[in-house]
Protein backbone atom coordinates (compact mmCIF):
# COMPACT_ATOMS: atom_id res chain seq x y z
CA MET A 1 13.94 0.06 -28.59
CA PRO A 2 13.33 3.19 -26.52
CA ILE A 3 10.51 3.26 -24.00
CA THR A 4 7.31 5.01 -25.06
CA ARG A 5 6.05 6.02 -21.61
CA SER A 6 8.12 6.99 -18.60
CA SER A 7 7.62 5.70 -15.09
CA GLN A 8 6.46 9.16 -14.05
CA GLN A 9 3.88 9.13 -16.84
CA LEU A 10 2.59 5.77 -15.62
CA VAL A 11 2.32 7.14 -12.08
CA ALA A 12 0.48 10.25 -13.30
CA GLU A 13 -1.95 8.13 -15.32
CA ALA A 14 -2.58 5.85 -12.35
CA ARG A 15 -3.27 8.82 -10.07
CA GLN A 16 -5.99 10.04 -12.42
CA ARG A 17 -8.06 6.94 -11.73
CA ILE A 18 -7.36 5.96 -8.13
CA GLN A 19 -8.32 7.32 -4.74
CA THR A 20 -5.56 9.23 -2.97
CA LEU A 21 -6.00 9.93 0.73
CA SER A 22 -4.41 12.99 2.27
CA LEU A 23 -2.21 12.36 5.28
CA GLU A 24 -4.99 13.63 7.52
CA GLN A 25 -7.59 11.36 5.91
CA ALA A 26 -5.29 8.36 6.24
CA ARG A 27 -4.42 9.18 9.87
CA ALA A 28 -8.14 9.37 10.69
CA LYS A 29 -8.52 5.76 9.48
CA LEU A 30 -5.69 4.36 11.59
CA GLU A 31 -7.94 3.11 14.39
CA ASP A 32 -10.79 1.97 12.11
CA PRO A 33 -11.17 -1.83 12.38
CA ASN A 34 -12.57 -1.90 8.83
CA VAL A 35 -9.39 -0.47 7.32
CA VAL A 36 -6.15 -2.33 6.61
CA PHE A 37 -3.00 -0.35 5.93
CA VAL A 38 -0.82 -2.25 3.46
CA ASP A 39 2.90 -1.53 3.34
CA ILE A 40 4.23 -2.56 -0.08
CA ARG A 41 7.85 -1.54 0.52
CA ASP A 42 10.79 -3.91 0.51
CA VAL A 43 11.42 -5.59 3.85
CA ARG A 44 14.75 -3.74 4.19
CA GLU A 45 12.86 -0.43 4.07
CA LEU A 46 10.57 -1.59 6.86
CA GLU A 47 13.48 -2.72 8.99
CA ARG A 48 15.29 0.59 8.43
CA GLU A 49 12.35 3.04 8.68
CA GLY A 50 9.57 1.28 10.59
CA MET A 51 5.97 1.15 9.44
CA VAL A 52 2.47 2.40 10.15
CA PRO A 53 1.26 0.70 13.35
CA GLY A 54 -0.67 -2.47 12.61
CA ALA A 55 0.07 -2.36 8.87
CA PHE A 56 0.10 -5.57 6.87
CA HIS A 57 3.29 -6.07 4.87
CA ALA A 58 2.65 -7.19 1.29
CA PRO A 59 5.81 -6.82 -0.80
CA ARG A 60 5.12 -5.11 -4.12
CA GLY A 61 6.45 -8.09 -6.06
CA MET A 62 3.88 -10.46 -4.51
CA LEU A 63 0.88 -8.15 -4.16
CA GLU A 64 -1.17 -9.35 -7.14
CA PHE A 65 -0.61 -12.98 -6.17
CA TRP A 66 -1.57 -12.36 -2.54
CA VAL A 67 -4.78 -10.57 -3.61
CA ASP A 68 -5.93 -13.19 -6.15
CA PRO A 69 -8.11 -15.90 -4.50
CA ALA A 70 -7.17 -18.31 -7.31
CA SER A 71 -3.46 -17.93 -6.57
CA PRO A 72 -1.66 -20.45 -4.37
CA TYR A 73 -0.19 -17.40 -2.58
CA PHE A 74 -3.56 -15.83 -1.69
CA LYS A 75 -3.73 -14.14 1.73
CA THR A 76 -7.18 -14.26 3.28
CA ILE A 77 -6.88 -10.72 4.60
CA PHE A 78 -7.49 -9.52 1.03
CA GLY A 79 -10.85 -11.33 1.01
CA SER A 80 -11.96 -9.62 4.23
CA GLY A 81 -14.10 -6.93 2.58
CA LYS A 82 -12.20 -4.22 4.43
CA GLN A 83 -10.85 -1.02 2.91
CA PHE A 84 -7.20 -1.25 1.92
CA VAL A 85 -4.89 1.76 2.18
CA LEU A 86 -1.59 1.14 0.42
CA TYR A 87 1.62 3.03 0.94
CA CYS A 88 5.26 2.93 -0.09
CA ALA A 89 8.05 5.42 0.56
CA SER A 90 6.99 8.26 -1.74
CA ALA A 91 3.59 7.21 -3.21
CA TRP A 92 4.98 6.18 -6.61
CA ARG A 93 4.88 2.40 -6.17
CA SER A 94 1.63 2.66 -4.22
CA SER A 95 0.04 4.64 -7.06
CA LEU A 96 0.85 1.88 -9.53
CA ALA A 97 -0.08 -0.88 -7.08
CA THR A 98 -3.42 0.75 -6.22
CA ALA A 99 -4.25 1.08 -9.92
CA THR A 100 -3.42 -2.60 -10.43
CA LEU A 101 -5.66 -3.67 -7.54
CA VAL A 102 -8.48 -1.52 -8.92
CA ASP A 103 -7.95 -3.26 -12.28
CA MET A 104 -8.19 -6.60 -10.48
CA GLY A 105 -11.51 -5.55 -8.95
CA LEU A 106 -10.43 -5.15 -5.32
CA GLN A 107 -12.54 -2.46 -3.65
CA PRO A 108 -12.33 -0.26 -1.74
CA VAL A 109 -8.65 0.54 -2.16
CA ALA A 110 -6.70 3.81 -1.92
CA HIS A 111 -3.18 5.01 -1.23
CA ILE A 112 -1.58 7.70 0.91
CA GLU A 113 -0.43 10.98 -0.60
CA GLY A 114 3.31 11.37 -0.05
CA GLY A 115 3.75 7.81 1.23
CA PHE A 116 5.49 6.74 4.40
CA SER A 117 8.09 9.50 4.11
CA ALA A 118 5.34 12.13 4.42
CA TRP A 119 3.61 10.13 7.18
CA LYS A 120 6.81 10.05 9.21
CA ALA A 121 7.63 13.72 8.50
CA ALA A 122 4.17 14.66 9.82
CA GLY A 123 5.06 13.01 13.13
CA TYR A 124 2.38 10.35 12.81
CA PRO A 125 2.86 7.10 14.75
CA THR A 126 5.20 4.40 13.52
CA GLU A 127 6.30 1.05 14.86
CA SER A 128 9.33 -1.14 14.39
CA LYS A 129 9.23 -3.98 11.91
CA LEU A 130 11.48 -6.12 14.12
CA GLY A 131 10.23 -9.64 14.63
CA SER A 132 6.99 -9.22 12.72
CA LYS A 133 6.10 -11.45 9.78
CA PRO A 134 3.33 -11.26 7.18
CA SER A 135 0.32 -13.19 8.36
CA LYS A 136 -2.75 -14.60 6.70
């Protein structure tokens, strides 16, 4: 059976109902203690490319389970009441993930226009993933 909606269509639909931060808006939040940057990329991407300084790594495949307080995988950071700014490499996965978190009721949540690739191309700060592990 052929698919009825493409991945790009899903991303476009998600972007119509989520908050997208420009690179400048996201960069302005980097030092805000009430904002958590959430890197949803695969660990190999983090090891290869680095990440936004201080970002919390929540792999896309576990995100919903880490956000849900009823899940045995819940991470307390997602119950902190802070603003969450998600990003991936190109803002496709983060668009879908942000829409899912909005559907789950997590607020406030947004994602970064252009993703980590655009962040890095803008010359914004990055840090190595080496040795870091997801924490509660």
